[in-house]
């Protein structure tokens, strides 16, 4: 069996990656709960229109809020 080349990242690490790209996450515990329920990659799919294609970063004031 072939090993998967990428390391598994925790939900917290994935949310930190979103923050690094400019997303504001005021309540990390709420964001973790929602991300674990719907899945990080589905969340990223919904967030594509919030990312500036030129820079690869979220538009200003993009927030993970309830």
PDB file of N, CA and C in Angstrom:
ATOM      1  N   UNK A   1       0.840  -1.165   0.000  1.00  0.00           N
ATOM      2  CA  UNK A   1       0.000   0.000   0.000  1.00  0.00           C
ATOM      3  C   UNK A   1       0.898   1.245   0.000  1.00  0.00           C
ATOM      4  N   UNK A   2       0.527   2.221  -0.800  1.00  0.00           N
ATOM      5  CA  UNK A   2       1.309   3.451  -0.897  1.00  0.00           C
ATOM      6  C   UNK A   2       0.940   4.412   0.235  1.00  0.00           C
ATOM      7  N   UNK A   3       1.942   5.036   0.836  1.00  0.00           N
ATOM      8  CA  UNK A   3       1.712   6.013   1.895  1.00  0.00           C
ATOM      9  C   UNK A   3       1.203   7.320   1.313  1.00  0.00           C
ATOM     10  N   UNK A   4       0.310   7.967   2.039  1.00  0.00           N
ATOM     11  CA  UNK A   4      -0.201   9.263   1.641  1.00  0.00           C
ATOM     12  C   UNK A   4       0.859  10.305   1.970  1.00  0.00           C
ATOM     13  N   UNK A   5       1.241  11.154   1.007  1.00  0.00           N
ATOM     14  CA  UNK A   5       2.375  12.061   1.219  1.00  0.00           C
ATOM     15  C   UNK A   5       2.112  13.253   2.148  1.00  0.00           C
ATOM     16  N   UNK A   6       0.861  13.601   2.378  1.00  0.00           N
ATOM     17  CA  UNK A   6       0.562  14.766   3.213  1.00  0.00           C
ATOM     18  C   UNK A   6       0.186  14.331   4.621  1.00  0.00           C
ATOM     19  N   UNK A   7       0.586  15.139   5.590  1.00  0.00           N
ATOM     20  CA  UNK A   7       0.246  14.869   6.986  1.00  0.00           C
ATOM     21  C   UNK A   7      -1.212  15.261   7.247  1.00  0.00           C
ATOM     22  N   UNK A   8      -1.847  14.561   8.142  1.00  0.00           N
ATOM     23  CA  UNK A   8      -3.214  14.893   8.534  1.00  0.00           C
ATOM     24  C   UNK A   8      -3.149  16.113   9.446  1.00  0.00           C
ATOM     25  N   UNK A   9      -3.982  17.118   9.144  1.00  0.00           N
ATOM     26  CA  UNK A   9      -3.984  18.353   9.930  1.00  0.00           C
ATOM     27  C   UNK A   9      -5.219  18.391  10.812  1.00  0.00           C
ATOM     28  N   UNK A  10      -5.045  18.906  12.004  1.00  0.00           N
ATOM     29  CA  UNK A  10      -6.160  19.032  12.936  1.00  0.00           C
ATOM     30  C   UNK A  10      -7.083  20.154  12.477  1.00  0.00           C
ATOM     31  N   UNK A  11      -8.298  20.159  13.019  1.00  0.00           N
ATOM     32  CA  UNK A  11      -9.255  21.220  12.700  1.00  0.00           C
ATOM     33  C   UNK A  11      -8.680  22.579  13.076  1.00  0.00           C
ATOM     34  N   UNK A  12      -8.016  22.648  14.206  1.00  0.00           N
ATOM     35  CA  UNK A  12      -7.425  23.911  14.636  1.00  0.00           C
ATOM     36  C   UNK A  12      -6.358  24.372  13.643  1.00  0.00           C
ATOM     37  N   UNK A  13      -5.530  23.465  13.155  1.00  0.00           N
ATOM     38  CA  UNK A  13      -4.506  23.821  12.167  1.00  0.00           C
ATOM     39  C   UNK A  13      -5.143  24.321  10.872  1.00  0.00           C
ATOM     40  N   UNK A  14      -6.236  23.705  10.454  1.00  0.00           N
ATOM     41  CA  UNK A  14      -6.920  24.131   9.237  1.00  0.00           C
ATOM     42  C   UNK A  14      -7.518  25.527   9.403  1.00  0.00           C
ATOM     43  N   UNK A  15      -8.064  25.821  10.576  1.00  0.00           N
ATOM     44  CA  UNK A  15      -8.615  27.149  10.829  1.00  0.00           C
ATOM     45  C   UNK A  15      -7.511  28.203  10.906  1.00  0.00           C
ATOM     46  N   UNK A  16      -6.366  27.818  11.432  1.00  0.00           N
ATOM     47  CA  UNK A  16      -5.226  28.731  11.446  1.00  0.00           C
ATOM     48  C   UNK A  16      -4.800  29.054  10.014  1.00  0.00           C
ATOM     49  N   UNK A  17      -4.893  28.076   9.124  1.00  0.00           N
ATOM     50  CA  UNK A  17      -4.576  28.319   7.715  1.00  0.00           C
ATOM     51  C   UNK A  17      -5.536  29.352   7.123  1.00  0.00           C
ATOM     52  N   UNK A  18      -6.819  29.287   7.490  1.00  0.00           N
ATOM     53  CA  UNK A  18      -7.785  30.283   7.018  1.00  0.00           C
ATOM     54  C   UNK A  18      -7.436  31.665   7.569  1.00  0.00           C
ATOM     55  N   UNK A  19      -7.043  31.711   8.833  1.00  0.00           N
ATOM     56  CA  UNK A  19      -6.651  32.986   9.435  1.00  0.00           C
ATOM     57  C   UNK A  19      -5.416  33.555   8.740  1.00  0.00           C
ATOM     58  N   UNK A  20      -4.489  32.697   8.387  1.00  0.00           N
ATOM     59  CA  UNK A  20      -3.279  33.124   7.692  1.00  0.00           C
ATOM     60  C   UNK A  20      -3.620  33.754   6.348  1.00  0.00           C
ATOM     61  N   UNK A  21      -4.699  33.261   5.727  1.00  0.00           N
ATOM     62  CA  UNK A  21      -5.157  33.817   4.442  1.00  0.00           C
ATOM     63  C   UNK A  21      -6.041  35.042   4.629  1.00  0.00           C
ATOM     64  N   UNK A  22      -6.224  35.501   5.868  1.00  0.00           N
ATOM     65  CA  UNK A  22      -6.933  36.748   6.118  1.00  0.00           C
ATOM     66  C   UNK A  22      -8.349  36.640   6.648  1.00  0.00           C
ATOM     67  N   UNK A  23      -8.840  35.430   6.905  1.00  0.00           N
ATOM     68  CA  UNK A  23     -10.185  35.296   7.466  1.00  0.00           C
ATOM     69  C   UNK A  23     -10.159  35.648   8.950  1.00  0.00           C
ATOM     70  N   UNK A  24     -11.141  36.420   9.369  1.00  0.00           N
ATOM     71  CA  UNK A  24     -11.277  36.791  10.775  1.00  0.00           C
ATOM     72  C   UNK A  24     -12.117  35.716  11.461  1.00  0.00           C
ATOM     73  N   UNK A  25     -11.595  35.120  12.523  1.00  0.00           N
ATOM     74  CA  UNK A  25     -12.320  34.095  13.273  1.00  0.00           C
ATOM     75  C   UNK A  25     -12.405  34.567  14.722  1.00  0.00           C
ATOM     76  N   UNK A  26     -13.506  35.260  15.077  1.00  0.00           N
ATOM     77  CA  UNK A  26     -13.612  35.811  16.422  1.00  0.00           C
ATOM     78  C   UNK A  26     -13.818  34.757  17.515  1.00  0.00           C
ATOM     79  N   UNK A  27     -14.459  33.637  17.182  1.00  0.00           N
ATOM     80  CA  UNK A  27     -14.736  32.596  18.176  1.00  0.00           C
ATOM     81  C   UNK A  27     -14.229  31.266  17.631  1.00  0.00           C
ATOM     82  N   UNK A  28     -13.005  30.910  18.009  1.00  0.00           N
ATOM     83  CA  UNK A  28     -12.364  29.712  17.465  1.00  0.00           C
ATOM     84  C   UNK A  28     -13.114  28.444  17.839  1.00  0.00           C
ATOM     85  N   UNK A  29     -13.700  28.381  19.035  1.00  0.00           N
ATOM     86  CA  UNK A  29     -14.418  27.164  19.439  1.00  0.00           C
ATOM     87  C   UNK A  29     -15.684  26.979  18.592  1.00  0.00           C
ATOM     88  N   UNK A  30     -16.387  28.071  18.285  1.00  0.00           N
ATOM     89  CA  UNK A  30     -17.553  27.991  17.404  1.00  0.00           C
ATOM     90  C   UNK A  30     -17.116  27.534  16.007  1.00  0.00           C
ATOM     91  N   UNK A  31     -16.038  28.114  15.493  1.00  0.00           N
ATOM     92  CA  UNK A  31     -15.543  27.761  14.166  1.00  0.00           C
ATOM     93  C   UNK A  31     -15.117  26.291  14.103  1.00  0.00           C
ATOM     94  N   UNK A  32     -14.494  25.799  15.156  1.00  0.00           N
ATOM     95  CA  UNK A  32     -14.086  24.392  15.187  1.00  0.00           C
ATOM     96  C   UNK A  32     -15.312  23.482  15.168  1.00  0.00           C
ATOM     97  N   UNK A  33     -16.317  23.823  15.953  1.00  0.00           N
ATOM     98  CA  UNK A  33     -17.542  23.016  16.027  1.00  0.00           C
ATOM     99  C   UNK A  33     -18.221  22.929  14.656  1.00  0.00           C
ATOM    100  N   UNK A  34     -18.361  24.065  13.991  1.00  0.00           N
ATOM    101  CA  UNK A  34     -19.005  24.099  12.686  1.00  0.00           C
ATOM    102  C   UNK A  34     -18.162  23.375  11.643  1.00  0.00           C
ATOM    103  N   UNK A  35     -16.862  23.603  11.658  1.00  0.00           N
ATOM    104  CA  UNK A  35     -15.969  22.965  10.690  1.00  0.00           C
ATOM    105  C   UNK A  35     -15.974  21.452  10.850  1.00  0.00           C
ATOM    106  N   UNK A  36     -16.007  20.957  12.072  1.00  0.00           N
ATOM    107  CA  UNK A  36     -16.053  19.518  12.296  1.00  0.00           C
ATOM    108  C   UNK A  36     -17.388  18.925  11.844  1.00  0.00           C
ATOM    109  N   UNK A  37     -18.441  19.717  11.905  1.00  0.00           N
ATOM    110  CA  UNK A  37     -19.756  19.222  11.499  1.00  0.00           C
ATOM    111  C   UNK A  37     -19.903  19.190   9.980  1.00  0.00           C
ATOM    112  N   UNK A  38     -19.500  20.261   9.291  1.00  0.00           N
ATOM    113  CA  UNK A  38     -19.710  20.303   7.847  1.00  0.00           C
ATOM    114  C   UNK A  38     -18.490  19.867   7.045  1.00  0.00           C
ATOM    115  N   UNK A  39     -17.317  19.930   7.638  1.00  0.00           N
ATOM    116  CA  UNK A  39     -16.091  19.545   6.960  1.00  0.00           C
ATOM    117  C   UNK A  39     -15.348  20.742   6.408  1.00  0.00           C
ATOM    118  N   UNK A  40     -14.049  20.720   6.563  1.00  0.00           N
ATOM    119  CA  UNK A  40     -13.204  21.836   6.142  1.00  0.00           C
ATOM    120  C   UNK A  40     -13.284  22.061   4.634  1.00  0.00           C
ATOM    121  N   UNK A  41     -13.229  20.991   3.854  1.00  0.00           N
ATOM    122  CA  UNK A  41     -13.169  21.155   2.405  1.00  0.00           C
ATOM    123  C   UNK A  41     -14.504  21.606   1.830  1.00  0.00           C
ATOM    124  N   UNK A  42     -15.590  21.247   2.453  1.00  0.00           N
ATOM    125  CA  UNK A  42     -16.883  21.789   2.036  1.00  0.00           C
ATOM    126  C   UNK A  42     -16.937  23.282   2.379  1.00  0.00           C
ATOM    127  N   UNK A  43     -16.454  23.647   3.550  1.00  0.00           N
ATOM    128  CA  UNK A  43     -16.393  25.054   3.937  1.00  0.00           C
ATOM    129  C   UNK A  43     -15.560  25.838   2.927  1.00  0.00           C
ATOM    130  N   UNK A  44     -14.409  25.310   2.540  1.00  0.00           N
ATOM    131  CA  UNK A  44     -13.554  25.975   1.552  1.00  0.00           C
ATOM    132  C   UNK A  44     -14.303  26.136   0.226  1.00  0.00           C
ATOM    133  N   UNK A  45     -15.101  25.160  -0.130  1.00  0.00           N
ATOM    134  CA  UNK A  45     -15.879  25.263  -1.359  1.00  0.00           C
ATOM    135  C   UNK A  45     -16.849  26.427  -1.325  1.00  0.00           C
ATOM    136  N   UNK A  46     -17.481  26.635  -0.186  1.00  0.00           N
ATOM    137  CA  UNK A  46     -18.400  27.759  -0.035  1.00  0.00           C
ATOM    138  C   UNK A  46     -17.657  29.094   0.032  1.00  0.00           C
ATOM    139  N   UNK A  47     -16.403  29.067   0.409  1.00  0.00           N
ATOM    140  CA  UNK A  47     -15.649  30.303   0.607  1.00  0.00           C
ATOM    141  C   UNK A  47     -14.895  30.767  -0.637  1.00  0.00           C
ATOM    142  N   UNK A  48     -14.926  30.000  -1.721  1.00  0.00           N
ATOM    143  CA  UNK A  48     -14.156  30.382  -2.911  1.00  0.00           C
ATOM    144  C   UNK A  48     -14.496  31.782  -3.408  1.00  0.00           C
ATOM    145  N   UNK A  49     -15.748  32.165  -3.359  1.00  0.00           N
ATOM    146  CA  UNK A  49     -16.125  33.491  -3.858  1.00  0.00           C
ATOM    147  C   UNK A  49     -15.684  34.623  -2.919  1.00  0.00           C
ATOM    148  N   UNK A  50     -15.145  34.276  -1.761  1.00  0.00           N
ATOM    149  CA  UNK A  50     -14.669  35.274  -0.804  1.00  0.00           C
ATOM    150  C   UNK A  50     -13.156  35.499  -0.903  1.00  0.00           C
ATOM    151  N   UNK A  51     -12.522  34.817  -1.854  1.00  0.00           N
ATOM    152  CA  UNK A  51     -11.072  34.896  -2.012  1.00  0.00           C
ATOM    153  C   UNK A  51     -10.737  35.697  -3.266  1.00  0.00           C
ATOM    154  N   UNK A  52      -9.833  36.659  -3.114  1.00  0.00           N
ATOM    155  CA  UNK A  52      -9.371  37.460  -4.239  1.00  0.00           C
ATOM    156  C   UNK A  52      -8.474  36.586  -5.117  1.00  0.00           C
ATOM    157  N   UNK A  53      -8.849  36.403  -6.373  1.00  0.00           N
ATOM    158  CA  UNK A  53      -8.097  35.532  -7.281  1.00  0.00           C
ATOM    159  C   UNK A  53      -6.667  36.027  -7.507  1.00  0.00           C
ATOM    160  N   UNK A  54      -6.473  37.320  -7.459  1.00  0.00           N
ATOM    161  CA  UNK A  54      -5.148  37.885  -7.721  1.00  0.00           C
ATOM    162  C   UNK A  54      -4.168  37.624  -6.588  1.00  0.00           C
ATOM    163  N   UNK A  55      -4.653  37.703  -5.358  1.00  0.00           N
ATOM    164  CA  UNK A  55      -3.751  37.571  -4.207  1.00  0.00           C
ATOM    165  C   UNK A  55      -3.811  36.196  -3.545  1.00  0.00           C
ATOM    166  N   UNK A  56      -4.954  35.522  -3.665  1.00  0.00           N
ATOM    167  CA  UNK A  56      -5.126  34.242  -2.976  1.00  0.00           C
ATOM    168  C   UNK A  56      -5.552  34.395  -1.526  1.00  0.00           C
ATOM    169  N   UNK A  57      -5.808  35.644  -1.118  1.00  0.00           N
ATOM    170  CA  UNK A  57      -6.228  35.929   0.250  1.00  0.00           C
ATOM    171  C   UNK A  57      -7.702  36.325   0.277  1.00  0.00           C
ATOM    172  N   UNK A  58      -8.315  36.175   1.448  1.00  0.00           N
ATOM    173  CA  UNK A  58      -9.705  36.575   1.601  1.00  0.00           C
ATOM    174  C   UNK A  58      -9.835  38.090   1.443  1.00  0.00           C
ATOM    175  N   UNK A  59     -10.997  38.502   0.942  1.00  0.00           N
ATOM    176  CA  UNK A  59     -11.270  39.933   0.868  1.00  0.00           C
ATOM    177  C   UNK A  59     -11.291  40.507   2.282  1.00  0.00           C
ATOM    178  N   UNK A  60     -10.990  41.798   2.428  1.00  0.00           N
ATOM    179  CA  UNK A  60     -10.990  42.423   3.760  1.00  0.00           C
ATOM    180  C   UNK A  60     -12.318  42.218   4.488  1.00  0.00           C
ATOM    181  N   UNK A  61     -12.220  42.010   5.784  1.00  0.00           N
ATOM    182  CA  UNK A  61     -13.370  41.853   6.685  1.00  0.00           C
ATOM    183  C   UNK A  61     -14.147  40.556   6.473  1.00  0.00           C
ATOM    184  N   UNK A  62     -13.576  39.569   5.788  1.00  0.00           N
ATOM    185  CA  UNK A  62     -14.218  38.253   5.677  1.00  0.00           C
ATOM    186  C   UNK A  62     -14.127  37.588   7.038  1.00  0.00           C
ATOM    187  N   UNK A  63     -15.280  37.166   7.559  1.00  0.00           N
ATOM    188  CA  UNK A  63     -15.340  36.687   8.933  1.00  0.00           C
ATOM    189  C   UNK A  63     -16.087  35.363   9.036  1.00  0.00           C
ATOM    190  N   UNK A  64     -15.641  34.509   9.917  1.00  0.00           N
ATOM    191  CA  UNK A  64     -16.330  33.259  10.251  1.00  0.00           C
ATOM    192  C   UNK A  64     -17.174  33.566  11.478  1.00  0.00           C
ATOM    193  N   UNK A  65     -18.394  33.985  11.235  1.00  0.00           N
ATOM    194  CA  UNK A  65     -19.289  34.422  12.294  1.00  0.00           C
ATOM    195  C   UNK A  65     -20.594  33.653  12.250  1.00  0.00           C
ATOM    196  N   UNK A  66     -21.300  33.669  13.366  1.00  0.00           N
ATOM    197  CA  UNK A  66     -22.615  33.022  13.404  1.00  0.00           C
ATOM    198  C   UNK A  66     -23.676  33.944  12.874  1.00  0.00           C
TER     199      UNK A  66
END
